Every structure is written in C-alpha cells, then in structure tokens.
C-alpha cells in the first residue's frame, strides 16, 4: 500500500490521489509476480520522474527542464 511520496526528501503522506502521479509495476521473481505501487506528490512530480531499470526496480530521476524559446518579433524590426 502506498502511504507517502517516493521522494526521500519529501515523504508527504498520501491522503488523496488527486495530486501527483501513481504508477504500478510488476516483476517476475521465479514463479511469483511482485506488484508494487509508487507515488510522487504533485510538488515532487514537477521536478522528478520515475526511472525504470531493466531489472524492474524503480528509482527517481530529475525531470529535464525545457526553456521556451521565443521567436523575435520581426514586426518591430523596421528597416528604413
């Protein structure tokens, strides 16, 4: 059962699933299937995302920040 944010620096308690992101993973260990759930609160999900390893383990990674590039306003560049 999920009880708190996966980010070890946060550990906010989970009360509602309205905010953030929940994932479910499954791993086969021998004949058994292991199901795990993880949650990142809304604030942590802005900066972090889940990282899935080949062995089925889940960890956190920093989310890439994209900077919006605006085009110059050519209408203001009047050539006389």
N, C-alpha and C. Protein backbone atom coordinates (compact mmCIF):
# COMPACT_ATOMS: atom_id res chain seq x y z
N UNK A 1 0.84 -1.18 0.00
CA UNK A 1 0.00 0.00 0.00
C UNK A 1 0.88 1.24 0.00
N UNK A 2 0.51 2.22 -0.78
CA UNK A 2 1.25 3.48 -0.83
C UNK A 2 0.84 4.31 0.37
N UNK A 3 1.81 4.86 1.08
CA UNK A 3 1.46 5.71 2.22
C UNK A 3 2.11 7.09 2.14
N UNK A 4 3.18 7.22 1.33
CA UNK A 4 3.85 8.51 1.26
C UNK A 4 4.59 8.68 -0.06
N UNK A 5 4.99 9.92 -0.32
CA UNK A 5 5.70 10.27 -1.54
C UNK A 5 7.01 9.47 -1.61
N UNK A 6 7.35 9.02 -2.82
CA UNK A 6 8.56 8.22 -3.01
C UNK A 6 9.84 9.03 -2.81
N UNK A 7 9.77 10.35 -2.95
CA UNK A 7 10.94 11.20 -2.78
C UNK A 7 11.38 11.16 -1.31
N UNK A 8 12.60 10.67 -1.03
CA UNK A 8 13.04 10.56 0.36
C UNK A 8 13.20 11.91 1.06
N UNK A 9 13.34 12.99 0.30
CA UNK A 9 13.45 14.32 0.90
C UNK A 9 12.09 14.93 1.20
N UNK A 10 11.03 14.32 0.75
CA UNK A 10 9.67 14.85 0.93
C UNK A 10 8.88 13.98 1.91
N UNK A 11 8.55 12.80 1.49
CA UNK A 11 7.77 11.82 2.27
C UNK A 11 6.42 12.35 2.73
N UNK A 12 5.80 13.22 1.89
CA UNK A 12 4.46 13.72 2.20
C UNK A 12 3.51 12.53 2.27
N UNK A 13 2.61 12.55 3.24
CA UNK A 13 1.65 11.46 3.40
C UNK A 13 0.59 11.52 2.29
N UNK A 14 0.23 10.35 1.81
CA UNK A 14 -0.80 10.24 0.78
C UNK A 14 -2.17 10.18 1.44
N UNK A 15 -3.02 11.16 1.09
CA UNK A 15 -4.39 11.17 1.59
C UNK A 15 -5.38 10.99 0.44
N UNK A 16 -5.08 11.62 -0.70
CA UNK A 16 -5.95 11.56 -1.87
C UNK A 16 -5.10 11.35 -3.11
N UNK A 17 -5.67 10.73 -4.12
CA UNK A 17 -4.96 10.50 -5.37
C UNK A 17 -5.22 11.61 -6.39
N UNK A 18 -5.63 12.77 -5.95
CA UNK A 18 -5.93 13.87 -6.86
C UNK A 18 -4.69 14.59 -7.35
N UNK A 19 -3.62 14.50 -6.61
CA UNK A 19 -2.45 15.31 -6.88
C UNK A 19 -1.22 14.42 -7.01
N UNK A 20 -0.48 14.57 -8.09
CA UNK A 20 0.73 13.79 -8.26
C UNK A 20 0.56 12.69 -9.27
N UNK A 21 1.39 11.67 -9.14
CA UNK A 21 1.37 10.56 -10.10
C UNK A 21 1.59 9.24 -9.38
N UNK A 22 0.77 8.27 -9.71
CA UNK A 22 0.87 6.91 -9.16
C UNK A 22 1.23 5.97 -10.30
N UNK A 23 2.14 5.06 -10.03
CA UNK A 23 2.47 4.03 -11.01
C UNK A 23 2.37 2.66 -10.36
N UNK A 24 2.14 1.65 -11.19
CA UNK A 24 2.15 0.27 -10.72
C UNK A 24 3.17 -0.48 -11.55
N UNK A 25 4.02 -1.25 -10.89
CA UNK A 25 5.00 -2.06 -11.61
C UNK A 25 4.79 -3.52 -11.24
N UNK A 26 5.19 -4.39 -12.17
CA UNK A 26 5.15 -5.83 -11.90
C UNK A 26 6.51 -6.40 -12.26
N UNK A 27 6.98 -7.31 -11.43
CA UNK A 27 8.23 -8.02 -11.68
C UNK A 27 8.01 -9.49 -11.44
N UNK A 28 8.60 -10.30 -12.30
CA UNK A 28 8.54 -11.74 -12.09
C UNK A 28 9.80 -12.16 -11.35
N UNK A 29 9.61 -12.81 -10.21
CA UNK A 29 10.70 -13.34 -9.41
C UNK A 29 10.44 -14.84 -9.28
N UNK A 30 11.13 -15.60 -10.11
CA UNK A 30 10.87 -17.03 -10.16
C UNK A 30 9.46 -17.27 -10.69
N UNK A 31 8.65 -17.98 -9.92
CA UNK A 31 7.27 -18.27 -10.33
C UNK A 31 6.30 -17.21 -9.82
N UNK A 32 6.79 -16.29 -8.99
CA UNK A 32 5.91 -15.28 -8.40
C UNK A 32 5.96 -13.98 -9.19
N UNK A 33 4.85 -13.27 -9.17
CA UNK A 33 4.78 -11.93 -9.75
C UNK A 33 4.63 -10.95 -8.60
N UNK A 34 5.55 -9.99 -8.54
CA UNK A 34 5.53 -8.99 -7.48
C UNK A 34 4.96 -7.70 -8.04
N UNK A 35 3.92 -7.17 -7.40
CA UNK A 35 3.28 -5.93 -7.82
C UNK A 35 3.63 -4.86 -6.78
N UNK A 36 4.10 -3.71 -7.28
CA UNK A 36 4.44 -2.59 -6.39
C UNK A 36 3.80 -1.32 -6.92
N UNK A 37 3.44 -0.43 -6.01
CA UNK A 37 2.88 0.87 -6.36
C UNK A 37 3.78 1.96 -5.79
N UNK A 38 3.93 3.04 -6.56
CA UNK A 38 4.74 4.17 -6.14
C UNK A 38 3.98 5.46 -6.42
N UNK A 39 4.19 6.48 -5.59
CA UNK A 39 3.50 7.76 -5.75
C UNK A 39 4.49 8.89 -5.57
N UNK A 40 4.40 9.88 -6.44
CA UNK A 40 5.09 11.15 -6.28
C UNK A 40 4.02 12.22 -6.08
N UNK A 41 4.15 13.02 -5.03
CA UNK A 41 3.18 14.09 -4.80
C UNK A 41 3.28 15.11 -5.93
N UNK A 42 2.33 15.99 -6.03
CA UNK A 42 2.28 16.97 -7.11
C UNK A 42 3.50 17.86 -7.16
N UNK A 43 3.99 18.31 -6.01
CA UNK A 43 5.15 19.19 -5.98
C UNK A 43 6.41 18.46 -6.44
N UNK A 44 6.60 17.23 -6.00
CA UNK A 44 7.78 16.45 -6.39
C UNK A 44 7.72 16.04 -7.85
N UNK A 45 6.50 15.78 -8.35
CA UNK A 45 6.38 15.36 -9.74
C UNK A 45 6.75 16.48 -10.71
N UNK A 46 6.76 17.72 -10.26
CA UNK A 46 7.21 18.82 -11.11
C UNK A 46 8.71 18.73 -11.38
N UNK A 47 9.47 18.22 -10.40
CA UNK A 47 10.93 18.17 -10.51
C UNK A 47 11.49 16.78 -10.76
N UNK A 48 10.73 15.74 -10.45
CA UNK A 48 11.22 14.36 -10.56
C UNK A 48 10.28 13.51 -11.40
N UNK A 49 10.83 12.43 -11.92
CA UNK A 49 10.02 11.44 -12.61
C UNK A 49 10.57 10.06 -12.26
N UNK A 50 9.81 9.04 -12.56
CA UNK A 50 10.21 7.68 -12.26
C UNK A 50 11.21 7.19 -13.31
N UNK A 51 12.18 6.43 -12.84
CA UNK A 51 13.18 5.83 -13.72
C UNK A 51 13.06 4.32 -13.55
N UNK A 52 12.86 3.62 -14.67
CA UNK A 52 12.63 2.18 -14.64
C UNK A 52 13.89 1.46 -15.11
N UNK A 53 14.48 0.65 -14.23
CA UNK A 53 15.67 -0.11 -14.57
C UNK A 53 15.27 -1.41 -15.28
N UNK A 54 16.23 -1.99 -15.98
CA UNK A 54 15.96 -3.24 -16.71
C UNK A 54 15.56 -4.38 -15.78
N UNK A 55 16.03 -4.34 -14.55
CA UNK A 55 15.68 -5.42 -13.61
C UNK A 55 14.32 -5.21 -12.94
N UNK A 56 13.60 -4.15 -13.33
CA UNK A 56 12.27 -3.91 -12.79
C UNK A 56 12.23 -2.97 -11.60
N UNK A 57 13.39 -2.55 -11.13
CA UNK A 57 13.41 -1.64 -9.99
C UNK A 57 13.06 -0.22 -10.43
N UNK A 58 12.49 0.54 -9.49
CA UNK A 58 12.07 1.91 -9.77
C UNK A 58 12.85 2.86 -8.88
N UNK A 59 13.35 3.94 -9.48
CA UNK A 59 14.03 4.98 -8.72
C UNK A 59 13.56 6.33 -9.26
N UNK A 60 14.14 7.40 -8.75
CA UNK A 60 13.77 8.75 -9.18
C UNK A 60 14.87 9.36 -10.02
N UNK A 61 14.48 10.21 -10.95
CA UNK A 61 15.43 10.97 -11.74
C UNK A 61 14.92 12.40 -11.83
N UNK A 62 15.83 13.35 -11.96
CA UNK A 62 15.42 14.74 -12.13
C UNK A 62 14.75 14.90 -13.48
N UNK A 63 13.69 15.63 -13.49
CA UNK A 63 12.97 15.92 -14.73
C UNK A 63 13.75 16.98 -15.50
N UNK A 64 13.86 16.80 -16.80
CA UNK A 64 14.55 17.78 -17.64
C UNK A 64 13.70 19.04 -17.72
N UNK A 65 14.34 20.17 -17.56
CA UNK A 65 13.66 21.46 -17.67
C UNK A 65 13.85 21.98 -19.08
N UNK A 66 12.76 22.31 -19.72
CA UNK A 66 12.82 22.87 -21.06
C UNK A 66 12.54 24.37 -20.96
N UNK A 67 13.35 25.12 -21.65
CA UNK A 67 13.17 26.56 -21.67
C UNK A 67 12.52 26.94 -22.99
N UNK A 68 11.45 27.66 -22.90
CA UNK A 68 10.76 28.08 -24.11
C UNK A 68 11.59 29.13 -24.84
N UNK A 69 11.75 28.91 -26.10
CA UNK A 69 12.49 29.85 -26.93
C UNK A 69 11.46 30.63 -27.74
N UNK A 70 11.49 31.93 -27.61
CA UNK A 70 10.55 32.75 -28.35
C UNK A 70 11.20 33.29 -29.60
N UNK A 71 10.41 33.41 -30.63
CA UNK A 71 10.92 33.98 -31.88
C UNK A 71 10.96 35.50 -31.74
N UNK A 72 11.94 36.13 -32.33
CA UNK A 72 11.97 37.59 -32.27
C UNK A 72 10.77 38.17 -33.01
N UNK A 73 10.31 39.29 -32.53
CA UNK A 73 9.18 39.97 -33.15
C UNK A 73 9.70 40.79 -34.31
N UNK A 74 9.61 40.24 -35.52
CA UNK A 74 10.16 40.90 -36.70
C UNK A 74 9.39 42.15 -37.09
N UNK A 75 8.15 42.26 -36.61
CA UNK A 75 7.37 43.46 -36.92
C UNK A 75 7.99 44.71 -36.29
N UNK A 76 8.72 44.52 -35.20
CA UNK A 76 9.34 45.66 -34.53
C UNK A 76 10.65 46.06 -35.18
N UNK A 77 11.19 45.20 -36.02
CA UNK A 77 12.45 45.48 -36.69
C UNK A 77 12.17 46.12 -38.05
N UNK A 78 12.03 47.39 -38.08
CA UNK A 78 11.74 48.09 -39.33
C UNK A 78 13.02 48.59 -39.95
N UNK A 79 13.21 48.27 -41.19
CA UNK A 79 14.39 48.71 -41.91
C UNK A 79 13.98 49.90 -42.76
N UNK A 80 14.71 51.00 -42.65
CA UNK A 80 14.35 52.16 -43.44
C UNK A 80 15.36 52.40 -44.54
